[in-house]
């Protein structure tokens, strides 16, 4: 929220152009969720108001559908919750898990 943008990049090979950057932004000028595609980058932008409400609330995901050229693009942005059995490093950028502090049953094999 402080910087207005968070992003990650997936690299597919060692070449500079063999990558895809995905980003989530917020803007006070934005009225509703939108998607922008540029070469090797996909950005979802939220209104600052929606971003605050989502960040501070219990709502897990945001959803929007776009009709594009006779097809349907479905955009879903979800909170990444901390793993209950993960290390602090694994959970560094995650939301607090709603089940934090409860015992998790292990699956039986």
C-alpha atoms as a PDB file:
ATOM      1  CA  UNK A   1       0.000   0.000   0.000  1.00  0.00           C
ATOM      2  CA  UNK A   2       2.838   2.371   0.784  1.00  0.00           C
ATOM      3  CA  UNK A   3       4.523   2.222  -2.628  1.00  0.00           C
ATOM      4  CA  UNK A   4       1.450   1.623  -4.790  1.00  0.00           C
ATOM      5  CA  UNK A   5       2.842  -1.406  -6.631  1.00  0.00           C
ATOM      6  CA  UNK A   6       4.061  -4.916  -5.940  1.00  0.00           C
ATOM      7  CA  UNK A   7       5.442  -7.199  -8.634  1.00  0.00           C
ATOM      8  CA  UNK A   8       7.047 -10.525  -9.303  1.00  0.00           C
ATOM      9  CA  UNK A   9       8.846 -11.937 -12.312  1.00  0.00           C
ATOM     10  CA  UNK A  10       8.896 -15.461 -13.692  1.00  0.00           C
ATOM     11  CA  UNK A  11      11.983 -16.330 -15.737  1.00  0.00           C
ATOM     12  CA  UNK A  12      11.632 -19.054 -18.350  1.00  0.00           C
ATOM     13  CA  UNK A  13      15.224 -19.095 -19.654  1.00  0.00           C
ATOM     14  CA  UNK A  14      18.451 -17.119 -19.319  1.00  0.00           C
ATOM     15  CA  UNK A  15      17.638 -14.689 -22.157  1.00  0.00           C
ATOM     16  CA  UNK A  16      16.562 -11.217 -20.965  1.00  0.00           C
ATOM     17  CA  UNK A  17      13.258 -11.377 -22.870  1.00  0.00           C
ATOM     18  CA  UNK A  18      12.297 -14.855 -21.593  1.00  0.00           C
ATOM     19  CA  UNK A  19      10.313 -13.544 -18.649  1.00  0.00           C
ATOM     20  CA  UNK A  20       6.856 -12.452 -17.524  1.00  0.00           C
ATOM     21  CA  UNK A  21       6.365  -9.767 -14.897  1.00  0.00           C
ATOM     22  CA  UNK A  22       3.048  -9.633 -13.053  1.00  0.00           C
ATOM     23  CA  UNK A  23       2.080  -6.682 -10.889  1.00  0.00           C
ATOM     24  CA  UNK A  24      -0.657  -5.363  -8.632  1.00  0.00           C
ATOM     25  CA  UNK A  25      -1.077  -1.595  -8.340  1.00  0.00           C
ATOM     26  CA  UNK A  26      -3.479   0.835  -6.774  1.00  0.00           C
ATOM     27  CA  UNK A  27      -4.312   4.372  -7.815  1.00  0.00           C
ATOM     28  CA  UNK A  28      -6.599   7.054  -6.435  1.00  0.00           C
ATOM     29  CA  UNK A  29      -7.523   7.910 -10.042  1.00  0.00           C
ATOM     30  CA  UNK A  30      -8.695   4.332 -10.732  1.00  0.00           C
ATOM     31  CA  UNK A  31     -12.469   3.761 -10.547  1.00  0.00           C
ATOM     32  CA  UNK A  32     -12.541  -0.045 -10.812  1.00  0.00           C
ATOM     33  CA  UNK A  33     -10.246  -3.017 -11.333  1.00  0.00           C
ATOM     34  CA  UNK A  34      -8.502  -2.989 -14.690  1.00  0.00           C
ATOM     35  CA  UNK A  35      -5.910  -5.082 -16.504  1.00  0.00           C
ATOM     36  CA  UNK A  36      -3.068  -3.744 -18.630  1.00  0.00           C
ATOM     37  CA  UNK A  37      -0.920  -5.918 -20.874  1.00  0.00           C
ATOM     38  CA  UNK A  38       2.439  -4.817 -22.195  1.00  0.00           C
ATOM     39  CA  UNK A  39       5.137  -6.948 -23.718  1.00  0.00           C
ATOM     40  CA  UNK A  40       6.229  -9.368 -20.976  1.00  0.00           C
ATOM     41  CA  UNK A  41       4.089  -7.661 -18.306  1.00  0.00           C
ATOM     42  CA  UNK A  42       0.558  -8.009 -16.936  1.00  0.00           C
ATOM     43  CA  UNK A  43      -0.620  -5.402 -14.419  1.00  0.00           C
ATOM     44  CA  UNK A  44      -3.853  -5.381 -12.439  1.00  0.00           C
ATOM     45  CA  UNK A  45      -4.783  -1.961 -11.056  1.00  0.00           C
ATOM     46  CA  UNK A  46      -7.267  -1.361  -8.242  1.00  0.00           C
ATOM     47  CA  UNK A  47      -8.700   1.848  -6.893  1.00  0.00           C
ATOM     48  CA  UNK A  48      -6.885   2.900  -3.722  1.00  0.00           C
ATOM     49  CA  UNK A  49     -10.196   2.682  -1.847  1.00  0.00           C
ATOM     50  CA  UNK A  50     -10.801  -0.934  -2.991  1.00  0.00           C
ATOM     51  CA  UNK A  51      -7.188  -1.847  -2.202  1.00  0.00           C
ATOM     52  CA  UNK A  52      -7.497  -0.528   1.380  1.00  0.00           C
ATOM     53  CA  UNK A  53     -10.830  -2.273   1.912  1.00  0.00           C
ATOM     54  CA  UNK A  54      -9.398  -5.577   0.615  1.00  0.00           C
ATOM     55  CA  UNK A  55      -6.140  -5.275   2.570  1.00  0.00           C
ATOM     56  CA  UNK A  56      -7.792  -4.456   5.877  1.00  0.00           C
ATOM     57  CA  UNK A  57     -10.903  -6.630   5.551  1.00  0.00           C
ATOM     58  CA  UNK A  58     -11.708 -10.315   5.638  1.00  0.00           C
ATOM     59  CA  UNK A  59     -12.464 -10.571   1.923  1.00  0.00           C
ATOM     60  CA  UNK A  60      -9.988 -13.054   0.440  1.00  0.00           C
ATOM     61  CA  UNK A  61     -10.260 -12.230  -3.243  1.00  0.00           C
ATOM     62  CA  UNK A  62     -11.300  -9.682  -5.815  1.00  0.00           C
ATOM     63  CA  UNK A  63     -12.950 -10.805  -9.039  1.00  0.00           C
ATOM     64  CA  UNK A  64     -13.752  -9.143 -12.344  1.00  0.00           C
ATOM     65  CA  UNK A  65     -14.795 -10.442 -15.763  1.00  0.00           C
ATOM     66  CA  UNK A  66     -14.107  -8.756 -19.081  1.00  0.00           C
ATOM     67  CA  UNK A  67     -15.629  -9.578 -22.470  1.00  0.00           C
ATOM     68  CA  UNK A  68     -12.783  -9.319 -24.967  1.00  0.00           C
ATOM     69  CA  UNK A  69     -13.273 -10.161 -28.624  1.00  0.00           C
ATOM     70  CA  UNK A  70     -16.019 -12.695 -28.019  1.00  0.00           C
ATOM     71  CA  UNK A  71     -14.104 -14.370 -25.169  1.00  0.00           C
ATOM     72  CA  UNK A  72     -14.240 -13.948 -21.417  1.00  0.00           C
ATOM     73  CA  UNK A  73     -11.192 -12.882 -19.395  1.00  0.00           C
ATOM     74  CA  UNK A  74     -11.606 -13.674 -15.697  1.00  0.00           C
ATOM     75  CA  UNK A  75      -9.282 -11.823 -13.318  1.00  0.00           C
ATOM     76  CA  UNK A  76      -8.968 -13.027  -9.743  1.00  0.00           C
ATOM     77  CA  UNK A  77      -6.649 -11.459  -7.179  1.00  0.00           C
ATOM     78  CA  UNK A  78      -6.369 -13.358  -3.898  1.00  0.00           C
ATOM     79  CA  UNK A  79      -4.515 -12.875  -0.640  1.00  0.00           C
ATOM     80  CA  UNK A  80      -1.539 -15.174  -0.154  1.00  0.00           C
ATOM     81  CA  UNK A  81      -1.875 -16.512   3.381  1.00  0.00           C
ATOM     82  CA  UNK A  82       1.120 -17.629   5.426  1.00  0.00           C
ATOM     83  CA  UNK A  83       1.675 -21.389   5.590  1.00  0.00           C
ATOM     84  CA  UNK A  84       0.986 -22.670   9.077  1.00  0.00           C
ATOM     85  CA  UNK A  85       4.012 -24.938   8.958  1.00  0.00           C
ATOM     86  CA  UNK A  86       6.252 -22.591   6.951  1.00  0.00           C
ATOM     87  CA  UNK A  87       9.326 -20.738   8.135  1.00  0.00           C
ATOM     88  CA  UNK A  88       9.369 -16.999   8.745  1.00  0.00           C
ATOM     89  CA  UNK A  89      11.335 -16.607   5.495  1.00  0.00           C
ATOM     90  CA  UNK A  90       8.680 -18.578   3.562  1.00  0.00           C
ATOM     91  CA  UNK A  91       5.938 -16.386   5.014  1.00  0.00           C
ATOM     92  CA  UNK A  92       7.695 -13.016   4.788  1.00  0.00           C
ATOM     93  CA  UNK A  93       5.297 -11.393   2.286  1.00  0.00           C
ATOM     94  CA  UNK A  94       2.146 -13.309   3.194  1.00  0.00           C
ATOM     95  CA  UNK A  95      -1.045 -12.262   4.956  1.00  0.00           C
ATOM     96  CA  UNK A  96      -1.605 -13.662   8.436  1.00  0.00           C
ATOM     97  CA  UNK A  97      -3.332 -17.023   8.078  1.00  0.00           C
ATOM     98  CA  UNK A  98      -6.889 -16.941   9.511  1.00  0.00           C
ATOM     99  CA  UNK A  99      -6.177 -20.336  11.079  1.00  0.00           C
ATOM    100  CA  UNK A 100      -2.997 -19.132  12.814  1.00  0.00           C
ATOM    101  CA  UNK A 101      -2.850 -20.500  16.344  1.00  0.00           C
ATOM    102  CA  UNK A 102      -5.001 -23.570  15.655  1.00  0.00           C
ATOM    103  CA  UNK A 103      -3.893 -27.164  15.274  1.00  0.00           C
ATOM    104  CA  UNK A 104      -3.922 -28.488  11.739  1.00  0.00           C
ATOM    105  CA  UNK A 105      -4.763 -32.167  11.329  1.00  0.00           C
ATOM    106  CA  UNK A 106      -2.188 -34.017   9.287  1.00  0.00           C
ATOM    107  CA  UNK A 107      -3.500 -36.129   6.433  1.00  0.00           C
ATOM    108  CA  UNK A 108      -3.385 -39.838   7.036  1.00  0.00           C
ATOM    109  CA  UNK A 109      -1.739 -42.079   4.468  1.00  0.00           C
END
